[in-house]
Amino acid sequence: MTAGAPQPTPPDGRLDLAQRQVPCGIDIDTLLEQVAEGRATERDKHQSHCPHCQAALIELADVWAPVRQLAEQPVTTPTSMLAAVIRHIDRLTHDMWYTLHQAEAGAIKVAARVIAVTARQAALQVPGVRIAFGRSTATARAAETDTRQHRPPHAAAGVMGHTAVVDLALTVTHGQSIDDVARQVQQRVIADLRGALELRHVTVNITVDDVLAPPPNAAC
């Protein structure tokens, strides 16, 4: 389909927000920003002659209306609540490389390296995974650098509170569906981390770095 060509209109006539651009080629994000800033009724030279942009601005304004109404409502935050939130944030940020679970018997902390090792062991249980690298790092900058440059062990784990984000680098067996293996690893790691460590939010990013021939004793 030619770029900029008119796109099919949904049966109900409403804008399909799954599209990243309106038919004239303008990014929806640009129009949404205009609406969020309260300029939905303003039109630049292009918009004043473009029915696609005009329809999009009207639709986005309609979608955004509940957000604007909520934002305009006056809210008074109790001082005690604000102080409690600040104390909780302070506890979370006191040590960025440990999870924190406040139990009745006391606080439970788990190091990021434990998260990484648990994730690596879970990944190795998935058929087709030959090697899985995982580790924690001393600083967020080191984690980003190691992951980006694929320096061994090719992975990092970030944790805070009940949340963990794990990067894993895998080597899989040739002939396996790489996408299927990666998805199974994500599911297995998420399930193991939630089950063993009571984490609520787990994100697993997978990088497949290499493939290896099946081992000699592999069934044909």
C-alpha atoms as a PDB file:
ATOM      1  CA  MET A   1       0.000   0.000   0.000  1.00  0.00           C
ATOM      2  CA  THR A   2       1.382   3.394  -0.986  1.00  0.00           C
ATOM      3  CA  ALA A   3       2.579   5.572   1.900  1.00  0.00           C
ATOM      4  CA  GLY A   4       0.054   8.247   2.724  1.00  0.00           C
ATOM      5  CA  ALA A   5      -2.742   6.467   0.857  1.00  0.00           C
ATOM      6  CA  PRO A   6      -6.160   6.593   2.551  1.00  0.00           C
ATOM      7  CA  GLN A   7      -6.660   3.794   5.048  1.00  0.00           C
ATOM      8  CA  PRO A   8      -9.918   1.844   5.472  1.00  0.00           C
ATOM      9  CA  THR A   9     -12.312   3.488   7.887  1.00  0.00           C
ATOM     10  CA  PRO A  10     -13.483   1.299  10.797  1.00  0.00           C
ATOM     11  CA  PRO A  11     -17.121   0.148  10.440  1.00  0.00           C
ATOM     12  CA  ASP A  12     -18.312   2.408  13.249  1.00  0.00           C
ATOM     13  CA  GLY A  13     -16.532   5.443  11.807  1.00  0.00           C
ATOM     14  CA  ARG A  14     -14.289   5.912  14.845  1.00  0.00           C
ATOM     15  CA  LEU A  15     -10.548   6.385  14.623  1.00  0.00           C
ATOM     16  CA  ASP A  16      -8.471   3.229  15.025  1.00  0.00           C
ATOM     17  CA  LEU A  17      -6.012   4.256  17.743  1.00  0.00           C
ATOM     18  CA  ALA A  18      -3.903   1.156  17.082  1.00  0.00           C
ATOM     19  CA  GLN A  19      -2.593   2.913  13.976  1.00  0.00           C
ATOM     20  CA  ARG A  20       0.519   4.953  14.679  1.00  0.00           C
ATOM     21  CA  GLN A  21      -0.341   7.550  12.026  1.00  0.00           C
ATOM     22  CA  VAL A  22      -3.484   9.052  10.597  1.00  0.00           C
ATOM     23  CA  PRO A  23      -3.892   8.569   6.821  1.00  0.00           C
ATOM     24  CA  CYS A  24      -2.254  11.887   5.999  1.00  0.00           C
ATOM     25  CA  GLY A  25       0.945  10.691   7.688  1.00  0.00           C
ATOM     26  CA  ILE A  26       0.830  12.742  10.915  1.00  0.00           C
ATOM     27  CA  ASP A  27       1.804  10.802  14.048  1.00  0.00           C
ATOM     28  CA  ILE A  28      -1.043  10.138  16.442  1.00  0.00           C
ATOM     29  CA  ASP A  29       1.309  10.805  19.362  1.00  0.00           C
ATOM     30  CA  THR A  30       1.780  14.361  18.085  1.00  0.00           C
ATOM     31  CA  LEU A  31      -1.967  14.921  17.985  1.00  0.00           C
ATOM     32  CA  LEU A  32      -2.461  13.330  21.395  1.00  0.00           C
ATOM     33  CA  GLU A  33       0.118  15.687  22.867  1.00  0.00           C
ATOM     34  CA  GLN A  34      -1.785  18.603  21.372  1.00  0.00           C
ATOM     35  CA  VAL A  35      -5.002  17.355  22.979  1.00  0.00           C
ATOM     36  CA  ALA A  36      -3.326  16.742  26.356  1.00  0.00           C
ATOM     37  CA  GLU A  37      -2.058  20.321  26.331  1.00  0.00           C
ATOM     38  CA  GLY A  38      -5.606  21.611  25.926  1.00  0.00           C
ATOM     39  CA  ARG A  39      -5.207  22.666  22.288  1.00  0.00           C
ATOM     40  CA  ALA A  40      -7.654  20.208  20.727  1.00  0.00           C
ATOM     41  CA  THR A  41      -9.643  22.988  19.016  1.00  0.00           C
ATOM     42  CA  GLU A  42      -6.581  24.746  17.593  1.00  0.00           C
ATOM     43  CA  ARG A  43      -5.635  24.108  13.971  1.00  0.00           C
ATOM     44  CA  ASP A  44      -2.389  24.787  12.187  1.00  0.00           C
ATOM     45  CA  LYS A  45      -2.248  25.363   8.415  1.00  0.00           C
ATOM     46  CA  HIS A  46      -2.226  21.675   7.600  1.00  0.00           C
ATOM     47  CA  GLN A  47      -4.900  20.713  10.113  1.00  0.00           C
ATOM     48  CA  SER A  48      -7.285  23.415   8.934  1.00  0.00           C
ATOM     49  CA  HIS A  49      -7.493  21.670   5.548  1.00  0.00           C
ATOM     50  CA  CYS A  50      -7.005  18.071   6.613  1.00  0.00           C
ATOM     51  CA  PRO A  51     -10.119  16.044   7.509  1.00  0.00           C
ATOM     52  CA  HIS A  52      -7.976  13.238   8.866  1.00  0.00           C
ATOM     53  CA  CYS A  53      -6.308  15.442  11.472  1.00  0.00           C
ATOM     54  CA  GLN A  54      -9.567  17.140  12.341  1.00  0.00           C
ATOM     55  CA  ALA A  55     -11.306  13.811  12.901  1.00  0.00           C
ATOM     56  CA  ALA A  56      -8.378  12.551  14.927  1.00  0.00           C
ATOM     57  CA  LEU A  57      -8.310  15.620  17.175  1.00  0.00           C
ATOM     58  CA  ILE A  58     -12.040  15.290  17.857  1.00  0.00           C
ATOM     59  CA  GLU A  59     -11.724  11.579  18.602  1.00  0.00           C
ATOM     60  CA  LEU A  60      -8.686  12.022  20.831  1.00  0.00           C
ATOM     61  CA  ALA A  61     -10.361  14.877  22.692  1.00  0.00           C
ATOM     62  CA  ASP A  62     -13.306  12.587  23.364  1.00  0.00           C
ATOM     63  CA  VAL A  63     -11.049   9.794  24.597  1.00  0.00           C
ATOM     64  CA  TRP A  64      -8.974  12.176  26.721  1.00  0.00           C
ATOM     65  CA  ALA A  65     -11.969  13.919  28.338  1.00  0.00           C
ATOM     66  CA  PRO A  66     -12.257  11.606  31.393  1.00  0.00           C
ATOM     67  CA  VAL A  67      -8.554  12.112  32.111  1.00  0.00           C
ATOM     68  CA  ARG A  68      -8.918  15.866  31.960  1.00  0.00           C
ATOM     69  CA  GLN A  69     -12.008  15.809  34.189  1.00  0.00           C
ATOM     70  CA  LEU A  70     -10.193  13.747  36.797  1.00  0.00           C
ATOM     71  CA  ALA A  71      -7.133  15.987  36.680  1.00  0.00           C
ATOM     72  CA  GLU A  72      -9.283  19.076  37.241  1.00  0.00           C
ATOM     73  CA  GLN A  73     -10.863  17.745  40.429  1.00  0.00           C
ATOM     74  CA  PRO A  74      -9.382  19.273  43.597  1.00  0.00           C
ATOM     75  CA  VAL A  75      -7.735  16.662  45.790  1.00  0.00           C
ATOM     76  CA  THR A  76      -6.493  17.301  49.326  1.00  0.00           C
ATOM     77  CA  THR A  77      -3.781  14.885  50.430  1.00  0.00           C
ATOM     78  CA  PRO A  78      -3.676  14.224  54.188  1.00  0.00           C
ATOM     79  CA  THR A  79      -0.305  15.116  55.712  1.00  0.00           C
ATOM     80  CA  SER A  80      -0.084  11.699  57.356  1.00  0.00           C
ATOM     81  CA  MET A  81      -0.560   9.933  54.012  1.00  0.00           C
ATOM     82  CA  LEU A  82       2.098  12.056  52.322  1.00  0.00           C
ATOM     83  CA  ALA A  83       4.536  11.327  55.146  1.00  0.00           C
ATOM     84  CA  ALA A  84       3.807   7.579  54.917  1.00  0.00           C
ATOM     85  CA  VAL A  85       4.411   7.595  51.153  1.00  0.00           C
ATOM     86  CA  ILE A  86       7.708   9.435  51.583  1.00  0.00           C
ATOM     87  CA  ARG A  87       8.819   6.956  54.256  1.00  0.00           C
ATOM     88  CA  HIS A  88       7.949   4.027  52.009  1.00  0.00           C
ATOM     89  CA  ILE A  89       9.832   5.524  49.065  1.00  0.00           C
ATOM     90  CA  ASP A  90      12.809   6.137  51.318  1.00  0.00           C
ATOM     91  CA  ARG A  91      12.829   2.475  52.345  1.00  0.00           C
ATOM     92  CA  LEU A  92      12.606   1.346  48.735  1.00  0.00           C
ATOM     93  CA  THR A  93      15.457   3.570  47.590  1.00  0.00           C
ATOM     94  CA  HIS A  94      17.712   2.886  50.569  1.00  0.00           C
ATOM     95  CA  ASP A  95      19.248  -0.070  48.735  1.00  0.00           C
ATOM     96  CA  MET A  96      18.364  -0.286  45.067  1.00  0.00           C
ATOM     97  CA  TRP A  97      19.799  -3.777  44.641  1.00  0.00           C
ATOM     98  CA  TYR A  98      17.466  -5.632  46.995  1.00  0.00           C
ATOM     99  CA  THR A  99      13.782  -6.452  46.892  1.00  0.00           C
ATOM    100  CA  LEU A 100      11.863  -5.388  49.968  1.00  0.00           C
ATOM    101  CA  HIS A 101       8.931  -7.256  51.475  1.00  0.00           C
ATOM    102  CA  GLN A 102       7.509  -5.886  54.710  1.00  0.00           C
ATOM    103  CA  ALA A 103       6.157  -8.856  56.687  1.00  0.00           C
ATOM    104  CA  GLU A 104       4.629  -8.886  60.175  1.00  0.00           C
ATOM    105  CA  ALA A 105       7.756 -10.538  61.581  1.00  0.00           C
ATOM    106  CA  GLY A 106      10.054  -7.993  59.923  1.00  0.00           C
ATOM    107  CA  ALA A 107      11.525  -6.961  56.587  1.00  0.00           C
ATOM    108  CA  ILE A 108      12.657  -9.534  54.018  1.00  0.00           C
ATOM    109  CA  LYS A 109      15.279  -8.457  51.492  1.00  0.00           C
ATOM    110  CA  VAL A 110      16.573 -10.470  48.534  1.00  0.00           C
ATOM    111  CA  ALA A 111      19.666  -9.411  46.597  1.00  0.00           C
ATOM    112  CA  ALA A 112      19.451  -8.720  42.877  1.00  0.00           C
ATOM    113  CA  ARG A 113      22.100 -11.379  42.223  1.00  0.00           C
ATOM    114  CA  VAL A 114      19.733 -13.960  43.742  1.00  0.00           C
ATOM    115  CA  ILE A 115      17.040 -12.812  41.316  1.00  0.00           C
ATOM    116  CA  ALA A 116      19.481 -13.181  38.436  1.00  0.00           C
ATOM    117  CA  VAL A 117      20.620 -16.662  39.485  1.00  0.00           C
ATOM    118  CA  THR A 118      17.027 -17.829  39.997  1.00  0.00           C
ATOM    119  CA  ALA A 119      16.106 -16.498  36.571  1.00  0.00           C
ATOM    120  CA  ARG A 120      19.082 -18.202  34.940  1.00  0.00           C
ATOM    121  CA  GLN A 121      18.287 -21.554  36.537  1.00  0.00           C
ATOM    122  CA  ALA A 122      14.653 -21.275  35.482  1.00  0.00           C
ATOM    123  CA  ALA A 123      15.668 -20.504  31.907  1.00  0.00           C
ATOM    124  CA  LEU A 124      17.902 -23.581  31.774  1.00  0.00           C
ATOM    125  CA  GLN A 125      14.889 -25.781  32.555  1.00  0.00           C
ATOM    126  CA  VAL A 126      13.259 -24.830  29.246  1.00  0.00           C
ATOM    127  CA  PRO A 127      13.889 -27.372  26.447  1.00  0.00           C
ATOM    128  CA  GLY A 128      16.115 -25.905  23.759  1.00  0.00           C
ATOM    129  CA  VAL A 129      18.030 -23.545  26.055  1.00  0.00           C
ATOM    130  CA  ARG A 130      21.711 -24.498  26.106  1.00  0.00           C
ATOM    131  CA  ILE A 131      23.233 -21.509  27.938  1.00  0.00           C
ATOM    132  CA  ALA A 132      21.648 -18.712  29.981  1.00  0.00           C
ATOM    133  CA  PHE A 133      23.603 -15.798  31.401  1.00  0.00           C
ATOM    134  CA  GLY A 134      22.339 -13.674  34.262  1.00  0.00           C
ATOM    135  CA  ARG A 135      23.777 -11.429  36.935  1.00  0.00           C
ATOM    136  CA  SER A 136      23.255  -8.356  39.066  1.00  0.00           C
ATOM    137  CA  THR A 137      25.460  -5.297  38.780  1.00  0.00           C
ATOM    138  CA  ALA A 138      26.819  -2.662  41.124  1.00  0.00           C
ATOM    139  CA  THR A 139      25.190   0.297  39.404  1.00  0.00           C
ATOM    140  CA  ALA A 140      22.422   0.960  36.915  1.00  0.00           C
ATOM    141  CA  ARG A 141      24.990   2.378  34.475  1.00  0.00           C
ATOM    142  CA  ALA A 142      27.040  -0.819  34.629  1.00  0.00           C
ATOM    143  CA  ALA A 143      23.919  -2.888  34.031  1.00  0.00           C
ATOM    144  CA  GLU A 144      22.974  -0.862  30.986  1.00  0.00           C
ATOM    145  CA  THR A 145      26.511  -0.954  29.582  1.00  0.00           C
ATOM    146  CA  ASP A 146      26.952  -4.697  30.057  1.00  0.00           C
ATOM    147  CA  THR A 147      23.630  -5.494  28.462  1.00  0.00           C
ATOM    148  CA  ARG A 148      24.111  -3.139  25.530  1.00  0.00           C
ATOM    149  CA  GLN A 149      27.658  -4.280  24.771  1.00  0.00           C
ATOM    150  CA  HIS A 150      26.903  -7.988  25.382  1.00  0.00           C
ATOM    151  CA  ARG A 151      29.787  -8.368  27.782  1.00  0.00           C
ATOM    152  CA  PRO A 152      29.710 -11.649  29.744  1.00  0.00           C
ATOM    153  CA  PRO A 153      27.573 -12.656  31.521  1.00  0.00           C
ATOM    154  CA  HIS A 154      25.321 -10.750  29.115  1.00  0.00           C
ATOM    155  CA  ALA A 155      22.574  -9.904  31.580  1.00  0.00           C
ATOM    156  CA  ALA A 156      21.501  -7.821  34.544  1.00  0.00           C
ATOM    157  CA  ALA A 157      18.688  -7.725  37.091  1.00  0.00           C
ATOM    158  CA  GLY A 158      17.116  -4.585  38.497  1.00  0.00           C
ATOM    159  CA  VAL A 159      14.940  -4.797  41.580  1.00  0.00           C
ATOM    160  CA  MET A 160      12.889  -2.557  43.836  1.00  0.00           C
ATOM    161  CA  GLY A 161      10.220  -3.465  46.342  1.00  0.00           C
ATOM    162  CA  HIS A 162       8.105  -6.233  44.819  1.00  0.00           C
ATOM    163  CA  THR A 163       9.342  -5.559  41.281  1.00  0.00           C
ATOM    164  CA  ALA A 164      12.099  -7.167  39.216  1.00  0.00           C
ATOM    165  CA  VAL A 165      13.301  -6.544  35.683  1.00  0.00           C
ATOM    166  CA  VAL A 166      15.611  -9.237  34.356  1.00  0.00           C
ATOM    167  CA  ASP A 167      17.701  -9.281  31.189  1.00  0.00           C
ATOM    168  CA  LEU A 168      18.743 -12.733  30.003  1.00  0.00           C
ATOM    169  CA  ALA A 169      20.981 -13.724  27.117  1.00  0.00           C
ATOM    170  CA  LEU A 170      20.401 -17.206  25.704  1.00  0.00           C
ATOM    171  CA  THR A 171      22.062 -19.716  23.443  1.00  0.00           C
ATOM    172  CA  VAL A 172      19.526 -22.152  21.999  1.00  0.00           C
ATOM    173  CA  THR A 173      19.645 -25.406  20.076  1.00  0.00           C
ATOM    174  CA  HIS A 174      19.606 -25.096  16.297  1.00  0.00           C
ATOM    175  CA  GLY A 175      16.303 -26.225  14.811  1.00  0.00           C
ATOM    176  CA  GLN A 176      14.198 -24.995  17.707  1.00  0.00           C
ATOM    177  CA  SER A 177      11.681 -22.205  17.225  1.00  0.00           C
ATOM    178  CA  ILE A 178      13.633 -19.317  18.743  1.00  0.00           C
ATOM    179  CA  ASP A 179      10.491 -17.281  19.361  1.00  0.00           C
ATOM    180  CA  ASP A 180       8.763 -20.187  21.126  1.00  0.00           C
ATOM    181  CA  VAL A 181      11.805 -20.903  23.292  1.00  0.00           C
ATOM    182  CA  ALA A 182      12.130 -17.239  24.270  1.00  0.00           C
ATOM    183  CA  ARG A 183       8.454 -17.002  25.225  1.00  0.00           C
ATOM    184  CA  GLN A 184       8.660 -20.199  27.266  1.00  0.00           C
ATOM    185  CA  VAL A 185      11.685 -18.807  29.094  1.00  0.00           C
ATOM    186  CA  GLN A 186       9.791 -15.611  29.899  1.00  0.00           C
ATOM    187  CA  GLN A 187       6.823 -17.570  31.244  1.00  0.00           C
ATOM    188  CA  ARG A 188       8.987 -19.948  33.286  1.00  0.00           C
ATOM    189  CA  VAL A 189      11.150 -17.216  34.800  1.00  0.00           C
ATOM    190  CA  ILE A 190       8.144 -15.053  35.701  1.00  0.00           C
ATOM    191  CA  ALA A 191       6.377 -18.001  37.331  1.00  0.00           C
ATOM    192  CA  ASP A 192       9.474 -19.062  39.301  1.00  0.00           C
ATOM    193  CA  LEU A 193      10.290 -15.568  40.546  1.00  0.00           C
ATOM    194  CA  ARG A 194       6.709 -14.897  41.594  1.00  0.00           C
ATOM    195  CA  GLY A 195       6.400 -18.275  43.272  1.00  0.00           C
ATOM    196  CA  ALA A 196       9.742 -18.353  45.075  1.00  0.00           C
ATOM    197  CA  LEU A 197      10.085 -14.686  45.996  1.00  0.00           C
ATOM    198  CA  GLU A 198       6.489 -13.368  46.037  1.00  0.00           C
ATOM    199  CA  LEU A 199       7.290 -10.699  43.483  1.00  0.00           C
ATOM    200  CA  ARG A 200       4.232  -8.931  42.089  1.00  0.00           C
ATOM    201  CA  HIS A 201       5.714  -7.399  38.941  1.00  0.00           C
ATOM    202  CA  VAL A 202       8.284  -9.257  36.858  1.00  0.00           C
ATOM    203  CA  THR A 203       9.579  -8.254  33.432  1.00  0.00           C
ATOM    204  CA  VAL A 204      11.900 -10.586  31.523  1.00  0.00           C
ATOM    205  CA  ASN A 205      13.803  -9.279  28.505  1.00  0.00           C
ATOM    206  CA  ILE A 206      15.343 -11.952  26.285  1.00  0.00           C
ATOM    207  CA  THR A 207      18.300 -11.666  23.908  1.00  0.00           C
ATOM    208  CA  VAL A 208      19.181 -14.736  21.838  1.00  0.00           C
ATOM    209  CA  ASP A 209      22.897 -14.396  21.141  1.00  0.00           C
ATOM    210  CA  ASP A 210      23.732 -17.694  19.462  1.00  0.00           C
ATOM    211  CA  VAL A 211      22.536 -21.118  18.330  1.00  0.00           C
ATOM    212  CA  LEU A 212      24.366 -24.417  18.778  1.00  0.00           C
ATOM    213  CA  ALA A 213      24.103 -27.729  16.986  1.00  0.00           C
ATOM    214  CA  PRO A 214      22.085 -30.363  18.856  1.00  0.00           C
ATOM    215  CA  PRO A 215      24.215 -32.347  21.345  1.00  0.00           C
ATOM    216  CA  PRO A 216      25.514 -35.692  19.995  1.00  0.00           C
ATOM    217  CA  ASN A 217      23.233 -37.718  22.270  1.00  0.00           C
ATOM    218  CA  ALA A 218      20.110 -35.770  21.269  1.00  0.00           C
ATOM    219  CA  ALA A 219      17.233 -37.911  20.018  1.00  0.00           C
ATOM    220  CA  CYS A 220      16.757 -37.764  16.263  1.00  0.00           C
END
